[in-house]
C-alpha atoms as a PDB file:
ATOM      1  CA  MET A   1      33.372  46.216  34.182  1.00  0.00           C
ATOM      2  CA  SER A   2      35.171  43.599  36.213  1.00  0.00           C
ATOM      3  CA  PHE A   3      31.864  42.717  37.846  1.00  0.00           C
ATOM      4  CA  LEU A   4      30.381  41.876  34.413  1.00  0.00           C
ATOM      5  CA  LEU A   5      33.438  39.822  33.482  1.00  0.00           C
ATOM      6  CA  GLU A   6      32.944  37.706  36.592  1.00  0.00           C
ATOM      7  CA  PHE A   7      29.138  37.616  36.650  1.00  0.00           C
ATOM      8  CA  LEU A   8      28.323  36.902  32.961  1.00  0.00           C
ATOM      9  CA  PRO A   9      30.255  33.611  32.722  1.00  0.00           C
ATOM     10  CA  ILE A  10      28.450  32.368  35.843  1.00  0.00           C
ATOM     11  CA  VAL A  11      25.059  33.271  34.318  1.00  0.00           C
ATOM     12  CA  ILE A  12      26.012  31.589  31.025  1.00  0.00           C
ATOM     13  CA  TYR A  13      27.113  28.413  32.810  1.00  0.00           C
ATOM     14  CA  ILE A  14      23.890  28.303  34.825  1.00  0.00           C
ATOM     15  CA  LEU A  15      21.815  28.739  31.644  1.00  0.00           C
ATOM     16  CA  LEU A  16      23.797  26.014  29.850  1.00  0.00           C
ATOM     17  CA  ILE A  17      23.237  23.638  32.780  1.00  0.00           C
ATOM     18  CA  ILE A  18      19.492  24.394  32.680  1.00  0.00           C
ATOM     19  CA  ILE A  19      19.369  23.790  28.904  1.00  0.00           C
ATOM     20  CA  LEU A  20      21.297  20.523  29.340  1.00  0.00           C
ATOM     21  CA  ILE A  21      18.881  19.326  32.037  1.00  0.00           C
ATOM     22  CA  ILE A  22      15.867  20.249  29.879  1.00  0.00           C
ATOM     23  CA  GLY A  23      17.417  18.362  26.931  1.00  0.00           C
ATOM     24  CA  ILE A  24      17.981  15.259  29.045  1.00  0.00           C
ATOM     25  CA  VAL A  25      14.399  15.340  30.359  1.00  0.00           C
ATOM     26  CA  LEU A  26      13.012  15.755  26.826  1.00  0.00           C
ATOM     27  CA  ALA A  27      15.153  12.868  25.538  1.00  0.00           C
ATOM     28  CA  ILE A  28      13.883  10.582  28.325  1.00  0.00           C
ATOM     29  CA  LYS A  29      10.262  11.560  27.593  1.00  0.00           C
ATOM     30  CA  CYS A  30      10.812  10.883  23.878  1.00  0.00           C
ATOM     31  CA  LEU A  31      12.179   7.417  24.670  1.00  0.00           C
ATOM     32  CA  ILE A  32       9.169   6.633  26.855  1.00  0.00           C
ATOM     33  CA  THR A  33       6.820   7.839  24.103  1.00  0.00           C
ATOM     34  CA  LEU A  34       8.628   5.742  21.488  1.00  0.00           C
ATOM     35  CA  ASP A  35       8.291   2.655  23.703  1.00  0.00           C
ATOM     36  CA  LYS A  36       4.528   3.244  23.942  1.00  0.00           C
ATOM     37  CA  VAL A  37       4.275   3.727  20.172  1.00  0.00           C
ATOM     38  CA  GLU A  38       6.216   0.509  19.612  1.00  0.00           C
ATOM     39  CA  LYS A  39       3.774  -1.405  21.840  1.00  0.00           C
ATOM     40  CA  VAL A  40       0.816  -0.002  19.884  1.00  0.00           C
ATOM     41  CA  VAL A  41       2.422  -0.937  16.544  1.00  0.00           C
ATOM     42  CA  ASP A  42       3.133  -4.461  17.781  1.00  0.00           C
ATOM     43  CA  ASN A  43      -0.498  -4.799  18.903  1.00  0.00           C
ATOM     44  CA  VAL A  44      -1.749  -3.645  15.502  1.00  0.00           C
ATOM     45  CA  ASN A  45       0.597  -6.078  13.725  1.00  0.00           C
ATOM     46  CA  GLU A  46      -0.763  -8.975  15.792  1.00  0.00           C
ATOM     47  CA  LYS A  47      -4.336  -8.039  14.898  1.00  0.00           C
ATOM     48  CA  VAL A  48      -3.486  -7.731  11.205  1.00  0.00           C
ATOM     49  CA  ARG A  49      -1.802 -11.140  11.251  1.00  0.00           C
ATOM     50  CA  ALA A  50      -4.987 -12.580  12.742  1.00  0.00           C
ATOM     51  CA  LEU A  51      -6.899 -11.301   9.699  1.00  0.00           C
ATOM     52  CA  ASP A  52      -4.438 -12.689   7.130  1.00  0.00           C
ATOM     53  CA  GLY A  53      -6.467 -15.895   6.811  1.00  0.00           C
ATOM     54  CA  VAL A  54      -9.623 -13.973   6.000  1.00  0.00           C
ATOM     55  CA  PHE A  55      -7.807 -11.888   3.408  1.00  0.00           C
ATOM     56  CA  HIS A  56      -6.346 -15.048   1.860  1.00  0.00           C
ATOM     57  CA  ILE A  57      -9.825 -16.582   1.566  1.00  0.00           C
ATOM     58  CA  ILE A  58     -11.191 -13.395  -0.015  1.00  0.00           C
ATOM     59  CA  ASP A  59      -8.257 -13.254  -2.439  1.00  0.00           C
ATOM     60  CA  THR A  60      -8.708 -16.880  -3.489  1.00  0.00           C
ATOM     61  CA  THR A  61     -12.454 -16.419  -3.933  1.00  0.00           C
ATOM     62  CA  THR A  62     -12.064 -13.323  -6.089  1.00  0.00           C
ATOM     63  CA  ASP A  63      -9.438 -15.073  -8.216  1.00  0.00           C
ATOM     64  CA  LYS A  64     -11.846 -17.944  -8.903  1.00  0.00           C
ATOM     65  CA  ILE A  65     -14.713 -15.562  -9.676  1.00  0.00           C
ATOM     66  CA  VAL A  66     -12.509 -13.647 -12.108  1.00  0.00           C
ATOM     67  CA  LEU A  67     -11.456 -16.904 -13.774  1.00  0.00           C
ATOM     68  CA  LEU A  68     -15.089 -17.955 -14.150  1.00  0.00           C
ATOM     69  CA  THR A  69     -16.218 -14.600 -15.560  1.00  0.00           C
ATOM     70  CA  ASP A  70     -13.270 -14.576 -17.963  1.00  0.00           C
ATOM     71  CA  LYS A  71     -14.286 -17.989 -19.295  1.00  0.00           C
ATOM     72  CA  VAL A  72     -17.923 -16.874 -19.695  1.00  0.00           C
ATOM     73  CA  VAL A  73     -16.948 -13.651 -21.467  1.00  0.00           C
ATOM     74  CA  GLU A  74     -14.508 -15.546 -23.691  1.00  0.00           C
ATOM     75  CA  GLY A  75     -17.221 -18.055 -24.635  1.00  0.00           C
ATOM     76  CA  ILE A  76     -19.763 -15.332 -25.424  1.00  0.00           C
ATOM     77  CA  THR A  77     -17.193 -13.390 -27.419  1.00  0.00           C
ATOM     78  CA  SER A  78     -16.155 -16.411 -29.466  1.00  0.00           C
ATOM     79  CA  LEU A  79     -19.829 -17.246 -30.116  1.00  0.00           C
ATOM     80  CA  ILE A  80     -20.521 -13.733 -31.385  1.00  0.00           C
ATOM     81  CA  VAL A  81     -17.353 -13.727 -33.496  1.00  0.00           C
ATOM     82  CA  ASN A  82     -18.307 -17.082 -35.022  1.00  0.00           C
ATOM     83  CA  LEU A  83     -21.803 -15.856 -35.854  1.00  0.00           C
ATOM     84  CA  PHE A  84     -20.543 -12.751 -37.610  1.00  0.00           C
ATOM     85  CA  SER A  85     -17.584 -14.395 -39.303  1.00  0.00           C
ATOM     86  CA  THR A  86     -19.699 -17.115 -40.963  1.00  0.00           C
ATOM     87  CA  LYS A  87     -22.085 -14.536 -42.377  1.00  0.00           C
ATOM     88  CA  LYS A  88     -19.213 -12.517 -43.774  1.00  0.00           C
ATOM     89  CA  LYS A  89     -17.602 -15.588 -45.340  1.00  0.00           C
ATOM     90  CA  GLU A  90     -20.828 -16.515 -47.077  1.00  0.00           C
ATOM     91  CA  LYS A  91     -21.276 -13.010 -48.451  1.00  0.00           C
ATOM     92  CA  LYS A  92     -17.661 -12.532 -49.488  1.00  0.00           C
ATOM     93  CA  GLU A  93     -17.296 -15.724 -51.516  1.00  0.00           C
ATOM     94  CA  PRO A  94     -16.730 -14.657 -55.119  1.00  0.00           C
ATOM     95  CA  LYS A  95     -18.551 -16.279 -57.967  1.00  0.00           C
ATOM     96  CA  LYS A  96     -16.505 -18.829 -59.794  1.00  0.00           C
ATOM     97  CA  LYS A  97     -15.679 -18.011 -63.382  1.00  0.00           C
ATOM     98  CA  GLU A  98     -16.393 -20.637 -65.921  1.00  0.00           C
ATOM     99  CA  VAL A  99     -13.380 -21.873 -67.740  1.00  0.00           C
ATOM    100  CA  LYS A 100     -13.858 -22.493 -71.472  1.00  0.00           C
END
């Protein structure tokens, strides 16, 4: 029994030291991996910034096209409304009663 009381703490300490070393190694590898990921993200950000001008041109162009199509649709709609509203006004005018 005394052998176990002396031997088990030594085994536990050795295992704890091994776990601590493994944890330190894993933490260092995680830091290295995070540095690599940060470099990749920075590279992607630079490439996206290079395309910002193109996206701005596309955005401006689509805004102008939408403005133009809105004006055309508005003109066609008002033309159709005017055509139908004048016909309805002519039909709906009541006959005037003669006053005696």
